N, C-alpha and C. Protein backbone atom coordinates (compact mmCIF):
# COMPACT_ATOMS: atom_id res chain seq x y z
N MET A 1 122.86 -93.42 73.34
CA MET A 1 124.01 -94.41 73.10
C MET A 1 123.22 -95.45 71.68
N GLU A 2 121.58 -95.58 72.07
CA GLU A 2 121.00 -96.49 71.13
C GLU A 2 121.64 -96.14 69.62
N GLU A 3 121.01 -94.87 69.81
CA GLU A 3 121.06 -93.86 68.32
C GLU A 3 122.19 -93.51 67.22
N LYS A 4 122.89 -93.67 68.46
CA LYS A 4 124.63 -94.04 67.74
C LYS A 4 125.00 -95.15 67.07
N ALA A 5 124.29 -96.31 67.67
CA ALA A 5 124.76 -97.58 67.66
C ALA A 5 123.79 -96.78 66.27
N GLU A 6 122.69 -97.20 66.17
CA GLU A 6 122.01 -97.50 64.26
C GLU A 6 122.70 -96.42 63.51
N ILE A 7 123.33 -95.22 64.02
CA ILE A 7 123.95 -94.00 63.01
C ILE A 7 124.77 -95.76 62.32
N GLN A 8 126.00 -95.48 62.85
CA GLN A 8 126.84 -96.68 63.22
C GLN A 8 126.37 -97.91 62.03
N HIS A 9 125.45 -98.69 62.20
CA HIS A 9 125.61 -99.71 61.53
C HIS A 9 125.08 -99.07 59.78
N CYS A 10 124.00 -98.43 59.83
CA CYS A 10 123.90 -97.84 58.89
C CYS A 10 124.63 -96.91 58.24
N THR A 11 126.01 -96.52 58.75
CA THR A 11 127.22 -96.56 57.92
C THR A 11 127.87 -97.35 57.17
N CYS A 12 128.22 -98.48 58.31
CA CYS A 12 128.70 -99.33 58.01
C CYS A 12 127.83 -100.16 56.70
N THR A 13 126.55 -100.04 56.93
CA THR A 13 125.94 -100.62 55.08
C THR A 13 125.65 -100.34 54.05
N MET A 14 126.29 -99.06 54.42
CA MET A 14 125.50 -97.93 53.00
C MET A 14 127.24 -97.76 53.04
N ASN A 15 128.21 -98.10 53.43
CA ASN A 15 129.87 -98.17 53.35
C ASN A 15 130.30 -99.79 52.19
N SER A 16 129.49 -100.68 52.70
CA SER A 16 129.70 -101.75 51.91
C SER A 16 128.64 -101.87 50.86
N THR A 17 127.52 -100.82 50.53
CA THR A 17 126.71 -101.39 49.55
C THR A 17 127.59 -99.98 48.11
N TYR A 18 128.00 -99.17 48.60
CA TYR A 18 128.84 -98.59 47.82
C TYR A 18 130.37 -99.25 47.31
N ARG A 19 131.02 -99.61 48.34
CA ARG A 19 131.87 -100.86 47.43
C ARG A 19 131.51 -101.30 46.58
N ALA A 20 130.38 -101.98 46.69
CA ALA A 20 130.09 -103.26 45.68
C ALA A 20 129.45 -102.77 44.67
N ILE A 21 129.20 -101.15 44.29
CA ILE A 21 128.48 -100.29 43.75
C ILE A 21 130.31 -99.92 42.21
N TYR A 22 130.74 -99.60 43.96
CA TYR A 22 131.95 -99.00 43.10
C TYR A 22 133.05 -99.98 42.33
N LYS A 23 132.49 -101.21 43.35
CA LYS A 23 133.53 -102.76 42.33
C LYS A 23 132.93 -103.55 41.06
N VAL A 24 131.64 -102.72 40.64
CA VAL A 24 131.05 -103.12 39.24
C VAL A 24 131.41 -101.57 38.48
N ILE A 25 131.15 -100.64 38.46
CA ILE A 25 131.78 -99.39 37.98
C ILE A 25 133.52 -99.82 37.50
N LYS A 26 134.49 -100.22 38.29
CA LYS A 26 135.49 -100.57 38.11
C LYS A 26 135.55 -101.18 37.11
N ARG A 27 134.81 -102.53 36.75
CA ARG A 27 134.94 -103.62 35.52
C ARG A 27 134.35 -102.99 34.24
N ILE A 28 133.73 -101.61 34.01
CA ILE A 28 133.42 -101.30 33.01
C ILE A 28 134.73 -100.17 31.78
N PRO A 29 134.81 -101.40 31.02
CA PRO A 29 136.04 -101.41 30.31
C PRO A 29 136.23 -99.53 29.26
N ARG A 30 137.74 -99.44 29.85
CA ARG A 30 137.82 -98.36 29.15
C ARG A 30 137.34 -98.28 27.47
N GLY A 31 136.51 -96.71 27.24
CA GLY A 31 136.29 -96.60 25.22
C GLY A 31 134.74 -98.06 26.16
N GLY A 32 134.35 -97.65 27.13
CA GLY A 32 132.52 -98.23 27.01
C GLY A 32 132.11 -97.57 28.54
N VAL A 33 131.02 -97.51 27.95
CA VAL A 33 129.93 -97.20 29.51
C VAL A 33 128.94 -98.21 29.73
N ALA A 34 128.07 -98.33 30.40
CA ALA A 34 127.55 -98.46 31.66
C ALA A 34 125.87 -97.78 32.21
N THR A 35 124.35 -98.25 31.89
CA THR A 35 123.63 -97.07 32.56
C THR A 35 123.76 -97.29 34.45
N TYR A 36 122.73 -96.37 35.29
CA TYR A 36 122.75 -96.14 36.33
C TYR A 36 122.28 -97.61 36.75
N GLY A 37 121.53 -98.30 35.50
CA GLY A 37 120.54 -99.73 36.43
C GLY A 37 121.29 -100.64 35.92
N GLN A 38 121.93 -100.75 35.23
CA GLN A 38 122.70 -102.11 35.24
C GLN A 38 123.94 -101.96 35.49
N VAL A 39 124.38 -100.75 36.55
CA VAL A 39 125.68 -100.87 37.43
C VAL A 39 124.75 -101.18 38.94
N ALA A 40 123.39 -100.88 38.87
CA ALA A 40 122.26 -101.24 40.15
C ALA A 40 122.21 -102.49 39.97
N GLN A 41 122.17 -103.53 38.88
CA GLN A 41 121.83 -105.35 39.11
C GLN A 41 122.23 -105.68 39.25
N LEU A 42 123.50 -105.55 38.51
CA LEU A 42 125.28 -106.20 38.27
C LEU A 42 125.74 -106.38 40.15
N ALA A 43 125.63 -105.23 40.63
CA ALA A 43 126.18 -105.64 42.02
C ALA A 43 125.14 -105.60 43.11
N GLY A 44 124.14 -106.06 42.57
CA GLY A 44 122.96 -107.04 43.00
C GLY A 44 122.04 -106.14 43.99
N PHE A 45 121.61 -104.39 43.12
CA PHE A 45 120.37 -103.80 43.95
C PHE A 45 119.81 -103.38 42.85
N ALA A 46 118.91 -104.09 42.00
CA ALA A 46 118.13 -104.23 40.10
C ALA A 46 116.81 -103.24 41.27
N ASN A 47 116.90 -102.75 40.34
CA ASN A 47 115.59 -101.44 40.22
C ASN A 47 116.09 -100.36 41.38
N HIS A 48 117.26 -100.03 41.76
CA HIS A 48 118.18 -99.02 42.27
C HIS A 48 119.21 -97.76 41.64
N ALA A 49 118.88 -97.67 40.54
CA ALA A 49 119.66 -97.40 39.47
C ALA A 49 119.69 -95.92 40.82
N ARG A 50 118.66 -95.10 41.17
CA ARG A 50 118.89 -93.87 41.90
C ARG A 50 120.09 -94.08 43.05
N LEU A 51 120.79 -95.41 43.39
CA LEU A 51 121.75 -96.00 44.64
C LEU A 51 122.90 -95.60 43.92
N VAL A 52 122.87 -95.60 42.42
CA VAL A 52 124.73 -95.79 42.02
C VAL A 52 124.43 -94.48 41.88
N GLY A 53 123.05 -93.26 42.00
CA GLY A 53 123.89 -91.89 42.19
C GLY A 53 124.19 -91.57 42.89
N TYR A 54 124.28 -92.20 43.72
CA TYR A 54 124.22 -91.32 45.69
C TYR A 54 125.64 -92.45 45.60
N ALA A 55 125.81 -93.42 44.95
CA ALA A 55 127.14 -93.31 45.74
C ALA A 55 128.57 -92.93 44.38
N LEU A 56 128.01 -92.21 43.06
CA LEU A 56 127.95 -91.46 42.69
C LEU A 56 128.89 -90.37 43.42
N HIS A 57 128.24 -88.83 44.01
CA HIS A 57 128.11 -88.76 44.54
C HIS A 57 128.83 -88.48 45.65
N ALA A 58 128.74 -89.79 46.17
CA ALA A 58 129.49 -90.10 47.87
C ALA A 58 130.57 -89.72 47.28
N LEU A 59 131.41 -90.31 46.76
CA LEU A 59 132.93 -90.11 45.71
C LEU A 59 133.50 -88.79 45.86
N ARG A 60 132.26 -87.52 45.55
CA ARG A 60 133.40 -86.58 45.89
C ARG A 60 133.63 -85.89 47.59
N GLU A 61 133.43 -86.67 48.41
CA GLU A 61 133.35 -86.53 49.97
C GLU A 61 134.96 -87.54 49.92
N THR A 62 135.14 -88.10 48.57
CA THR A 62 136.49 -89.57 49.24
C THR A 62 137.05 -89.44 48.12
N ILE A 63 138.89 -89.97 47.70
CA ILE A 63 139.08 -89.71 47.00
C ILE A 63 139.56 -90.92 46.67
N ASP A 64 139.34 -91.40 45.29
CA ASP A 64 139.28 -92.90 44.99
C ASP A 64 139.41 -93.18 43.47
N PRO A 65 140.25 -92.38 42.76
CA PRO A 65 141.01 -91.86 41.31
C PRO A 65 140.39 -93.17 40.97
N LYS A 66 140.44 -94.45 41.31
CA LYS A 66 140.75 -96.18 40.74
C LYS A 66 139.25 -96.02 39.77
N VAL A 67 137.90 -95.49 40.26
CA VAL A 67 136.22 -95.19 40.55
C VAL A 67 136.46 -94.98 38.98
N PRO A 68 136.20 -95.33 37.90
CA PRO A 68 135.85 -94.73 36.71
C PRO A 68 134.60 -94.05 36.46
N TRP A 69 133.95 -93.21 37.45
CA TRP A 69 132.19 -92.46 37.99
C TRP A 69 132.04 -92.22 36.14
N HIS A 70 132.80 -91.71 35.04
CA HIS A 70 132.73 -91.26 34.01
C HIS A 70 131.80 -91.97 32.88
N ARG A 71 132.48 -93.49 33.60
CA ARG A 71 131.66 -94.14 32.63
C ARG A 71 129.58 -94.48 32.70
N VAL A 72 130.05 -93.78 33.60
CA VAL A 72 128.09 -94.24 34.03
C VAL A 72 127.29 -93.42 33.41
N ILE A 73 126.30 -93.62 32.85
CA ILE A 73 125.15 -93.04 31.50
C ILE A 73 123.95 -92.96 32.71
N ASN A 74 123.14 -92.27 31.84
CA ASN A 74 121.46 -92.86 32.53
C ASN A 74 121.15 -93.73 30.85
N ALA A 75 119.45 -94.52 30.97
CA ALA A 75 119.43 -95.41 29.89
C ALA A 75 119.12 -95.02 28.77
N ARG A 76 119.08 -93.66 28.90
CA ARG A 76 118.62 -92.49 27.40
C ARG A 76 119.78 -92.82 26.87
N GLY A 77 121.69 -93.12 26.93
CA GLY A 77 122.38 -92.27 26.56
C GLY A 77 123.08 -91.30 26.79
N LYS A 78 122.71 -91.02 28.19
CA LYS A 78 123.18 -89.07 28.58
C LYS A 78 123.89 -89.13 29.36
N ILE A 79 124.33 -88.10 29.75
CA ILE A 79 125.15 -88.00 30.61
C ILE A 79 124.43 -87.19 31.17
N SER A 80 124.20 -87.62 32.75
CA SER A 80 123.07 -87.10 33.57
C SER A 80 123.19 -85.98 34.43
N LEU A 81 124.86 -85.43 34.80
CA LEU A 81 124.96 -84.56 35.41
C LEU A 81 124.11 -83.32 35.04
N ARG A 82 123.78 -81.94 36.16
CA ARG A 82 123.32 -80.66 35.55
C ARG A 82 123.83 -79.93 35.42
N ASP A 83 125.33 -79.64 35.83
CA ASP A 83 125.84 -78.25 36.02
C ASP A 83 126.58 -78.66 34.59
N GLU A 84 126.97 -77.41 33.68
CA GLU A 84 127.19 -77.52 32.39
C GLU A 84 128.91 -77.58 32.47
N GLU A 85 129.08 -77.49 33.35
CA GLU A 85 131.34 -77.99 33.38
C GLU A 85 131.16 -79.14 34.41
N GLY A 86 130.40 -79.80 34.60
CA GLY A 86 130.10 -80.77 34.75
C GLY A 86 130.37 -81.93 33.81
N ILE A 87 128.99 -82.17 32.92
CA ILE A 87 128.58 -82.48 31.80
C ILE A 87 129.49 -82.17 30.92
N ALA A 88 130.53 -81.19 31.30
CA ALA A 88 132.16 -80.77 29.57
C ALA A 88 133.26 -81.56 30.27
N VAL A 89 133.17 -81.98 31.59
CA VAL A 89 134.82 -82.87 32.55
C VAL A 89 134.11 -84.20 31.52
N GLN A 90 132.63 -84.29 31.99
CA GLN A 90 132.04 -85.76 31.93
C GLN A 90 132.96 -86.14 30.02
N ARG A 91 131.61 -85.51 29.41
CA ARG A 91 131.75 -85.44 28.40
C ARG A 91 133.37 -85.72 27.36
N GLY A 92 134.71 -84.95 28.18
CA GLY A 92 136.00 -84.93 27.63
C GLY A 92 136.53 -86.09 28.11
N LEU A 93 136.06 -85.95 29.66
CA LEU A 93 136.98 -87.55 29.42
C LEU A 93 136.52 -88.64 28.69
N LEU A 94 135.23 -88.80 28.31
CA LEU A 94 134.97 -90.05 27.54
C LEU A 94 135.41 -90.33 26.31
N GLU A 95 134.72 -88.63 25.84
CA GLU A 95 135.37 -88.38 24.47
C GLU A 95 137.16 -89.42 24.62
N ARG A 96 137.80 -88.16 25.01
CA ARG A 96 139.77 -88.57 25.26
C ARG A 96 139.43 -90.33 24.98
N GLU A 97 138.30 -91.98 25.56
CA GLU A 97 138.34 -93.04 25.74
C GLU A 97 137.68 -93.38 24.00
N GLY A 98 137.67 -92.48 22.59
CA GLY A 98 136.81 -93.16 21.98
C GLY A 98 135.32 -92.90 22.13
N ILE A 99 135.17 -92.64 23.33
CA ILE A 99 133.20 -92.76 22.92
C ILE A 99 132.35 -91.21 22.05
N GLU A 100 131.94 -91.62 20.87
CA GLU A 100 131.44 -90.55 20.62
C GLU A 100 130.24 -90.24 20.97
N PHE A 101 129.87 -88.74 20.73
CA PHE A 101 128.26 -88.97 20.14
C PHE A 101 127.78 -88.25 19.55
N ASP A 102 126.20 -88.65 19.40
CA ASP A 102 125.95 -87.44 18.50
C ASP A 102 124.92 -86.43 18.50
N GLU A 103 124.78 -86.00 17.57
CA GLU A 103 124.06 -84.56 17.60
C GLU A 103 123.42 -83.96 18.63
N ARG A 104 122.31 -84.82 19.24
CA ARG A 104 121.71 -84.94 20.59
C ARG A 104 122.52 -85.05 21.69
N GLY A 105 123.55 -85.05 21.42
CA GLY A 105 124.93 -85.83 23.04
C GLY A 105 124.25 -86.83 24.23
N ARG A 106 123.73 -88.12 22.92
CA ARG A 106 123.62 -89.23 23.55
C ARG A 106 125.54 -90.48 22.60
N ILE A 107 125.07 -91.23 23.68
CA ILE A 107 126.03 -92.50 23.19
C ILE A 107 125.23 -93.21 22.65
N ASP A 108 125.12 -94.33 22.10
CA ASP A 108 125.34 -95.45 21.31
C ASP A 108 125.53 -96.26 22.04
N LEU A 109 124.81 -96.91 22.95
CA LEU A 109 124.21 -98.01 24.11
C LEU A 109 125.01 -99.47 23.61
N GLY A 110 124.50 -99.63 22.14
CA GLY A 110 124.73 -100.50 21.03
C GLY A 110 126.50 -101.07 20.90
N LYS A 111 126.16 -99.66 20.63
CA LYS A 111 127.93 -99.71 20.52
C LYS A 111 129.28 -99.99 21.18
N TYR A 112 128.52 -98.59 22.49
CA TYR A 112 129.73 -98.56 24.19
C TYR A 112 129.27 -99.50 25.09
N GLY A 113 128.04 -99.78 25.01
CA GLY A 113 127.45 -100.55 26.15
C GLY A 113 128.47 -100.86 26.78
N MET A 114 128.19 -101.61 28.05
CA MET A 114 128.21 -102.93 28.62
C MET A 114 127.83 -103.75 28.35
N ARG A 115 128.36 -104.94 27.95
CA ARG A 115 127.39 -106.52 27.99
C ARG A 115 127.71 -107.05 29.45
N GLY A 116 126.86 -107.95 28.42
CA GLY A 116 126.21 -108.92 29.15
C GLY A 116 124.85 -108.13 30.73
N ARG A 117 124.82 -109.85 31.93
CA ARG A 117 123.62 -109.70 32.60
C ARG A 117 123.64 -107.60 32.80
N GLY A 118 122.37 -107.79 33.02
CA GLY A 118 121.92 -106.42 33.33
C GLY A 118 121.96 -105.76 32.34
N ARG A 119 122.04 -105.68 30.54
CA ARG A 119 121.88 -104.64 30.31
C ARG A 119 120.62 -103.76 30.15
N LYS A 120 120.55 -102.77 29.61
CA LYS A 120 119.48 -102.11 29.32
C LYS A 120 119.36 -100.78 28.87
């Protein structure tokens, strides 16, 4: 019984953590991007950029079309997905919002990056 209670507590904590991350992502304006590190910092999890990646991966298991997952990129201004199909989908969504990529597939964070605290 004790183990089950621990697992439930962990799940509740993770859900509230992910909800905090999704709340920040929902604030990224159309036509803008934020880095994993920036989202982590703004959600109260400074230096935990990977946690943002885990939260975004968990979106596959839930249905919340209001989370604009495609607006989160890495600190180099690149899409972090590994499969070509996923990269094409994310890039297409960003381009439809007016975001431009350079010849190396990077986004200018100075031009499109989210302004304010935590900008990296």
